Amino acid sequence: MSEIDILSFGETMAMFVAEQSGDLAAVGQFHKRIAGADSNVAIGLSRLGFNVTWLSRVGADSLGRFVIDTLAKEGLDCSHVDIDPAHPTGFQLKSRADDGSDPVVEYFRRGSAASHLSVQSIQPELLNARHLHATGIPPALSVSAREMSFELMTRMREAGRSVSFDPNLRPSLWASEQQMITEINRLAALAHWVLPGLSEGRLLTGFEDPADIAAFYLDQGVEAVAIKLGPHGAYYRTHLDQGFVAGVPVQNVVDTVGAGDGFAVGMISALLENHSFADAVQRANWIGSRAVQSRGDMEGLPTRAELPSHIPDRSHAPAWECSP
């Protein structure tokens, strides 16, 4: 195995995207793709040239083979994706929204193979990764997946690796809103870089203003926070700096799903290349804007060659130094 730049983990589902707009019940044709916020970020980072290892589980079924084949074609190391003979690969149905609105998504993931991720899934060599990216989705899938999330984030931070965290709230997967808030904030405190959306930050912290939301996490040991403001761009705050970075104008919004994942790709890639936080947010905004112009969750994520000249690229620079 080559050196792991980035370790990411979670659930990749098969996704059936409607070919026609309208009620899913009336749609007769679908296109098969993959979906999953965590693997979207992993794919985006792989396209930018990072060695990315994907930790997950799929069923011993055709959808599981499809997921692994698709991820492997994107350059992900899938040697730590376990095949579960007892539980199926999750999947989802996604409507087509031609007016730029959020599509309807129906999930079929309860009891899926990925929900049986556990601490036993963590192999020692995974802890050699330079960076860990985590989200709030795996800990919502099951108690065992939640334990694995805490274990991975704790051990990676103790080892001096950098850790990023996107809350990616999925209220329907939690027993209660209060449990979600408590557990997500406990996880966020284990990260160096926290990347919430504005509405997520307000729900999680009880604060309205982006500066106060960021301060909430900085006070818990986080090094930097970037808050997504949709088309308005993003606000960032570290212990030394803060500011707004304007969004990238988009003439035609095709599909809003995956914009936050594109933002995470930009932030993580730039910070691992030792860019300033402001420059990282600029790249994140640009990649997020690309994501909403493409149908599909990760189809718009760019390659290194597609980064525009005004977006800083120091891919051979030393990595950001994170405190333990």
Protein backbone atom coordinates (compact mmCIF):
# COMPACT_ATOMS: atom_id res chain seq x y z
CA MET A 1 0.00 0.00 0.00
CA SER A 2 1.27 3.46 -0.88
CA GLU A 3 1.38 6.19 1.71
CA ILE A 4 -2.12 7.31 2.71
CA ASP A 5 -2.63 11.04 2.32
CA ILE A 6 -6.26 11.02 3.43
CA LEU A 7 -8.47 8.50 5.21
CA SER A 8 -12.22 8.87 4.86
CA PHE A 9 -15.00 6.58 5.99
CA GLY A 10 -18.76 6.17 5.85
CA GLU A 11 -21.48 4.76 3.64
CA THR A 12 -21.56 4.83 -0.14
CA MET A 13 -24.99 3.93 -1.48
CA ALA A 14 -26.17 3.06 -4.92
CA MET A 15 -28.34 5.89 -6.25
CA PHE A 16 -31.07 5.70 -8.85
CA VAL A 17 -31.59 9.16 -10.36
CA ALA A 18 -34.86 9.88 -12.17
CA GLU A 19 -34.51 10.57 -15.88
CA GLN A 20 -37.75 12.61 -15.89
CA SER A 21 -38.93 15.33 -13.52
CA GLY A 22 -42.03 14.86 -11.39
CA ASP A 23 -43.24 12.51 -8.68
CA LEU A 24 -40.90 9.56 -8.18
CA ALA A 25 -43.92 7.25 -8.24
CA ALA A 26 -44.57 8.22 -11.85
CA VAL A 27 -40.98 7.96 -13.07
CA GLY A 28 -40.23 4.91 -15.19
CA GLN A 29 -36.56 5.38 -15.98
CA PHE A 30 -33.61 5.88 -13.64
CA HIS A 31 -29.85 6.19 -14.08
CA LYS A 32 -27.65 4.24 -11.64
CA ARG A 33 -24.92 6.19 -9.87
CA ILE A 34 -23.39 6.27 -6.40
CA ALA A 35 -24.12 8.62 -3.51
CA GLY A 36 -22.68 9.43 -0.12
CA ALA A 37 -21.32 12.69 1.28
CA ASP A 38 -18.22 11.07 2.74
CA SER A 39 -17.23 9.28 -0.45
CA ASN A 40 -18.04 12.39 -2.53
CA VAL A 41 -15.29 14.20 -0.60
CA ALA A 42 -12.96 11.23 -0.97
CA ILE A 43 -13.51 11.22 -4.74
CA GLY A 44 -12.94 14.95 -5.00
CA LEU A 45 -9.65 14.70 -3.13
CA SER A 46 -8.55 11.77 -5.28
CA ARG A 47 -9.25 13.79 -8.43
CA LEU A 48 -6.91 16.46 -7.06
CA GLY A 49 -4.09 13.93 -6.81
CA PHE A 50 -4.22 12.78 -3.20
CA ASN A 51 -3.86 9.12 -2.21
CA VAL A 52 -7.20 8.44 -0.53
CA THR A 53 -8.18 5.32 1.39
CA TRP A 54 -11.87 4.55 1.83
CA LEU A 55 -13.08 2.63 4.91
CA SER A 56 -16.56 1.16 4.61
CA ARG A 57 -18.77 -1.91 4.23
CA VAL A 58 -21.03 -3.06 1.41
CA GLY A 59 -23.28 -6.06 0.97
CA ALA A 60 -22.35 -9.19 -0.94
CA ASP A 61 -24.63 -8.08 -3.76
CA SER A 62 -24.53 -6.47 -7.19
CA LEU A 63 -24.99 -2.97 -5.75
CA GLY A 64 -21.99 -3.52 -3.49
CA ARG A 65 -19.87 -4.59 -6.45
CA PHE A 66 -21.08 -1.54 -8.37
CA VAL A 67 -20.11 0.77 -5.48
CA ILE A 68 -16.61 -0.69 -5.14
CA ASP A 69 -15.99 -0.70 -8.89
CA THR A 70 -17.08 2.95 -9.19
CA LEU A 71 -14.95 4.11 -6.26
CA ALA A 72 -11.92 2.18 -7.52
CA LYS A 73 -12.26 3.79 -10.96
CA GLU A 74 -12.09 7.16 -9.18
CA GLY A 75 -8.71 6.16 -7.74
CA LEU A 76 -9.77 5.32 -4.19
CA ASP A 77 -8.01 2.52 -2.32
CA CYS A 78 -10.91 0.21 -1.46
CA SER A 79 -8.85 -2.52 0.22
CA HIS A 80 -10.51 -1.60 3.53
CA VAL A 81 -14.07 -1.95 2.25
CA ASP A 82 -15.43 -5.10 3.87
CA ILE A 83 -17.95 -7.34 2.10
CA ASP A 84 -20.83 -8.15 4.48
CA PRO A 85 -22.69 -11.35 3.54
CA ALA A 86 -25.45 -10.73 6.09
CA HIS A 87 -26.54 -7.15 5.33
CA PRO A 88 -27.35 -5.35 2.05
CA THR A 89 -25.83 -2.35 0.34
CA GLY A 90 -27.94 0.74 0.97
CA PHE A 91 -29.49 2.63 -1.92
CA GLN A 92 -31.57 5.73 -2.62
CA LEU A 93 -33.99 7.13 -5.17
CA LYS A 94 -33.48 10.75 -6.25
CA SER A 95 -35.93 12.90 -8.17
CA ARG A 96 -34.99 15.21 -11.01
CA ALA A 97 -35.54 18.89 -10.21
CA ASP A 98 -35.19 21.04 -13.33
CA ASP A 99 -36.00 24.31 -11.56
CA GLY A 100 -32.90 24.42 -9.34
CA SER A 101 -34.81 23.36 -6.22
CA ASP A 102 -33.60 20.58 -3.92
CA PRO A 103 -34.48 17.15 -5.33
CA VAL A 104 -36.57 14.65 -3.37
CA VAL A 105 -34.46 11.78 -2.02
CA GLU A 106 -35.83 8.54 -0.57
CA TYR A 107 -33.40 6.35 1.37
CA PHE A 108 -33.31 2.58 1.73
CA ARG A 109 -30.42 2.18 4.15
CA ARG A 110 -31.76 0.94 7.50
CA GLY A 111 -29.78 -2.13 8.59
CA SER A 112 -27.35 -1.72 5.69
CA ALA A 113 -23.87 -3.21 5.66
CA ALA A 114 -22.29 0.19 6.38
CA SER A 115 -24.40 0.63 9.50
CA HIS A 116 -22.42 -2.31 10.92
CA LEU A 117 -19.11 -0.46 10.80
CA SER A 118 -17.42 -0.77 14.19
CA VAL A 119 -14.17 -0.20 16.05
CA GLN A 120 -13.11 -3.64 14.79
CA SER A 121 -13.07 -2.14 11.28
CA ILE A 122 -10.04 0.02 12.16
CA GLN A 123 -6.82 -1.63 11.01
CA PRO A 124 -3.54 -0.26 12.48
CA GLU A 125 -2.11 0.84 9.11
CA LEU A 126 -5.03 3.24 8.62
CA LEU A 127 -3.75 5.37 11.49
CA ASN A 128 -0.67 6.24 9.40
CA ALA A 129 -2.77 8.50 7.16
CA ARG A 130 -1.71 12.17 7.08
CA HIS A 131 -5.28 13.40 7.42
CA LEU A 132 -8.69 12.10 8.50
CA HIS A 133 -11.93 13.52 7.14
CA ALA A 134 -15.06 12.71 9.12
CA THR A 135 -18.72 13.73 8.99
CA GLY A 136 -21.78 13.43 11.18
CA ILE A 137 -23.35 10.76 8.97
CA PRO A 138 -21.57 7.54 10.11
CA PRO A 139 -22.25 8.24 13.81
CA ALA A 140 -25.94 8.59 12.94
CA LEU A 141 -26.10 5.14 11.31
CA SER A 142 -25.67 3.03 14.45
CA VAL A 143 -24.11 2.88 17.89
CA SER A 144 -21.19 0.81 16.59
CA ALA A 145 -20.48 3.25 13.73
CA ARG A 146 -20.64 6.11 16.24
CA GLU A 147 -18.09 4.39 18.46
CA MET A 148 -15.83 3.92 15.45
CA SER A 149 -16.11 7.62 14.56
CA PHE A 150 -15.06 8.69 18.06
CA GLU A 151 -12.23 6.16 18.13
CA LEU A 152 -10.80 7.15 14.76
CA MET A 153 -10.96 10.88 15.43
CA THR A 154 -9.47 10.52 18.89
CA ARG A 155 -6.61 8.27 17.82
CA MET A 156 -5.75 10.34 14.75
CA ARG A 157 -5.65 13.57 16.72
CA GLU A 158 -3.56 11.97 19.48
CA ALA A 159 -1.15 10.79 16.77
CA GLY A 160 -0.68 14.37 15.58
CA ARG A 161 -2.61 13.93 12.34
CA SER A 162 -4.91 16.66 11.05
CA VAL A 163 -8.65 16.02 11.33
CA SER A 164 -11.51 17.76 9.51
CA PHE A 165 -15.21 17.44 10.36
CA ASP A 166 -18.36 18.35 8.45
CA PRO A 167 -21.49 17.98 10.64
CA ASN A 168 -23.63 16.92 7.65
CA LEU A 169 -26.71 16.66 9.84
CA ARG A 170 -29.21 13.89 9.10
CA PRO A 171 -31.97 14.42 11.74
CA SER A 172 -34.06 11.50 10.50
CA LEU A 173 -31.28 9.06 11.45
CA TRP A 174 -31.09 10.17 15.10
CA ALA A 175 -33.36 9.18 17.98
CA SER A 176 -33.84 12.84 18.90
CA GLU A 177 -32.63 16.29 17.94
CA GLN A 178 -30.96 16.73 21.33
CA GLN A 179 -29.00 13.50 20.95
CA MET A 180 -27.84 14.64 17.52
CA ILE A 181 -26.70 18.02 18.82
CA THR A 182 -24.85 16.51 21.78
CA GLU A 183 -23.06 13.80 19.84
CA ILE A 184 -22.17 15.96 16.83
CA ASN A 185 -20.67 18.65 19.05
CA ARG A 186 -18.62 16.04 20.93
CA LEU A 187 -17.21 14.86 17.61
CA ALA A 188 -16.58 18.39 16.35
CA ALA A 189 -14.44 19.10 19.41
CA LEU A 190 -12.07 16.33 18.28
CA ALA A 191 -11.37 18.02 14.93
CA HIS A 192 -8.92 20.72 13.89
CA TRP A 193 -11.13 22.14 11.13
CA VAL A 194 -14.94 22.24 11.45
CA LEU A 195 -17.06 22.98 8.35
CA PRO A 196 -20.76 23.53 9.16
CA GLY A 197 -23.43 25.19 7.10
CA LEU A 198 -25.00 28.27 8.66
CA SER A 199 -28.29 26.58 9.55
CA GLU A 200 -26.38 23.61 10.99
CA GLY A 201 -24.20 25.89 13.07
CA ARG A 202 -27.22 27.73 14.43
CA LEU A 203 -28.94 24.50 15.43
CA LEU A 204 -25.81 22.98 16.96
CA THR A 205 -24.67 26.00 18.97
CA GLY A 206 -27.76 28.08 19.61
CA PHE A 207 -26.01 31.15 18.18
CA GLU A 208 -27.23 33.12 15.16
CA ASP A 209 -24.15 35.03 14.06
CA PRO A 210 -21.39 33.16 12.18
CA ALA A 211 -18.70 34.73 14.38
CA ASP A 212 -20.38 33.39 17.52
CA ILE A 213 -20.87 29.95 15.99
CA ALA A 214 -17.19 29.81 15.12
CA ALA A 215 -16.17 31.02 18.59
CA PHE A 216 -18.25 28.21 20.13
CA TYR A 217 -16.02 25.61 18.45
CA LEU A 218 -12.74 27.50 18.85
CA ASP A 219 -13.40 27.54 22.60
CA GLN A 220 -13.55 23.71 22.51
CA GLY A 221 -10.10 23.27 21.02
CA VAL A 222 -10.86 23.50 17.32
CA GLU A 223 -8.20 25.40 15.35
CA ALA A 224 -10.36 26.85 12.57
CA VAL A 225 -13.98 27.02 11.45
CA ALA A 226 -15.43 27.71 8.00
CA ILE A 227 -19.19 28.33 7.84
CA LYS A 228 -20.92 27.82 4.50
CA LEU A 229 -23.30 30.63 3.55
CA GLY A 230 -24.63 29.16 0.30
CA PRO A 231 -24.44 31.55 -2.67
CA HIS A 232 -23.14 34.28 -0.36
CA GLY A 233 -19.84 32.44 0.14
CA ALA A 234 -18.41 31.56 3.52
CA TYR A 235 -17.20 33.01 6.82
CA TYR A 236 -14.03 31.70 8.41
CA ARG A 237 -12.40 32.20 11.77
CA THR A 238 -9.18 30.98 13.34
CA HIS A 239 -7.53 32.07 16.58
CA LEU A 240 -5.58 34.67 14.56
CA ASP A 241 -7.82 35.70 11.68
CA GLN A 242 -11.41 35.93 10.46
CA GLY A 243 -13.32 37.15 7.45
CA PHE A 244 -15.90 36.60 4.71
CA VAL A 245 -15.02 35.22 1.29
CA ALA A 246 -17.57 36.00 -1.41
CA GLY A 247 -19.32 33.21 -3.25
CA VAL A 248 -18.82 32.46 -6.94
CA PRO A 249 -21.78 33.62 -9.09
CA VAL A 250 -23.64 30.77 -10.78
CA GLN A 251 -25.99 31.45 -13.69
CA ASN A 252 -27.69 28.07 -13.82
CA VAL A 253 -28.10 25.92 -10.70
CA VAL A 254 -28.70 22.34 -11.87
CA ASP A 255 -28.42 20.24 -8.69
CA THR A 256 -27.71 21.56 -5.20
CA VAL A 257 -26.78 18.18 -3.71
CA GLY A 258 -23.03 17.85 -3.20
CA ALA A 259 -22.19 21.55 -2.93
CA GLY A 260 -21.10 21.20 0.69
CA ASP A 261 -18.99 18.18 -0.21
CA GLY A 262 -17.27 20.23 -2.91
CA PHE A 263 -16.62 22.93 -0.33
CA ALA A 264 -14.97 20.34 1.95
CA VAL A 265 -12.79 19.12 -0.94
CA GLY A 266 -11.55 22.65 -1.49
CA MET A 267 -10.86 23.33 2.18
CA ILE A 268 -9.05 20.08 2.92
CA SER A 269 -6.95 20.04 -0.24
CA ALA A 270 -5.82 23.63 0.17
CA LEU A 271 -5.03 23.34 3.87
CA LEU A 272 -3.03 20.15 3.31
CA GLU A 273 -1.03 22.17 0.77
CA ASN A 274 -0.39 24.80 3.46
CA HIS A 275 -2.50 27.57 1.97
CA SER A 276 -3.86 30.31 4.19
CA PHE A 277 -7.34 29.73 5.52
CA ALA A 278 -8.70 32.59 3.37
CA ASP A 279 -7.21 31.03 0.22
CA ALA A 280 -8.62 27.64 1.22
CA VAL A 281 -12.11 29.13 1.52
CA GLN A 282 -11.72 30.71 -1.92
CA ARG A 283 -10.93 27.31 -3.45
CA ALA A 284 -13.77 25.74 -1.46
CA ASN A 285 -16.29 28.28 -2.74
CA TRP A 286 -15.18 27.71 -6.32
CA ILE A 287 -15.46 23.91 -6.14
CA GLY A 288 -18.83 24.20 -4.40
CA SER A 289 -20.04 26.43 -7.24
CA ARG A 290 -18.98 23.81 -9.79
CA ALA A 291 -20.87 21.11 -7.94
CA VAL A 292 -24.24 22.87 -8.25
CA GLN A 293 -23.80 23.21 -12.02
CA SER A 294 -23.68 19.45 -12.63
CA ARG A 295 -26.39 16.83 -12.30
CA GLY A 296 -25.23 14.24 -9.80
CA ASP A 297 -23.60 14.45 -6.39
CA MET A 298 -19.93 14.35 -7.40
CA GLU A 299 -19.83 14.65 -11.21
CA GLY A 300 -18.82 18.34 -11.05
CA LEU A 301 -15.80 17.84 -8.79
CA PRO A 302 -12.69 19.02 -10.69
CA THR A 303 -9.34 17.48 -11.45
CA ARG A 304 -6.13 19.31 -10.56
CA ALA A 305 -5.78 20.51 -14.15
CA GLU A 306 -9.25 22.06 -14.02
CA LEU A 307 -8.48 24.38 -11.10
CA PRO A 308 -8.55 27.91 -12.56
CA SER A 309 -5.44 30.05 -12.56
CA HIS A 310 -6.80 32.48 -9.98
CA ILE A 311 -7.30 29.65 -7.46
CA PRO A 312 -3.96 29.15 -5.65
CA ASP A 313 -2.27 25.80 -6.25
CA ARG A 314 0.69 24.80 -4.13
CA SER A 315 0.23 21.05 -4.32
CA HIS A 316 3.88 20.40 -3.50
CA ALA A 317 4.01 22.71 -0.48
CA PRO A 318 4.51 21.31 3.05
CA ALA A 319 1.43 20.32 5.01
CA TRP A 320 -0.39 22.47 7.52
CA GLU A 321 0.93 21.79 11.02
CA CYS A 322 -1.80 20.86 13.49
CA SER A 323 -1.50 20.80 17.25
CA PRO A 324 -2.33 17.53 19.03
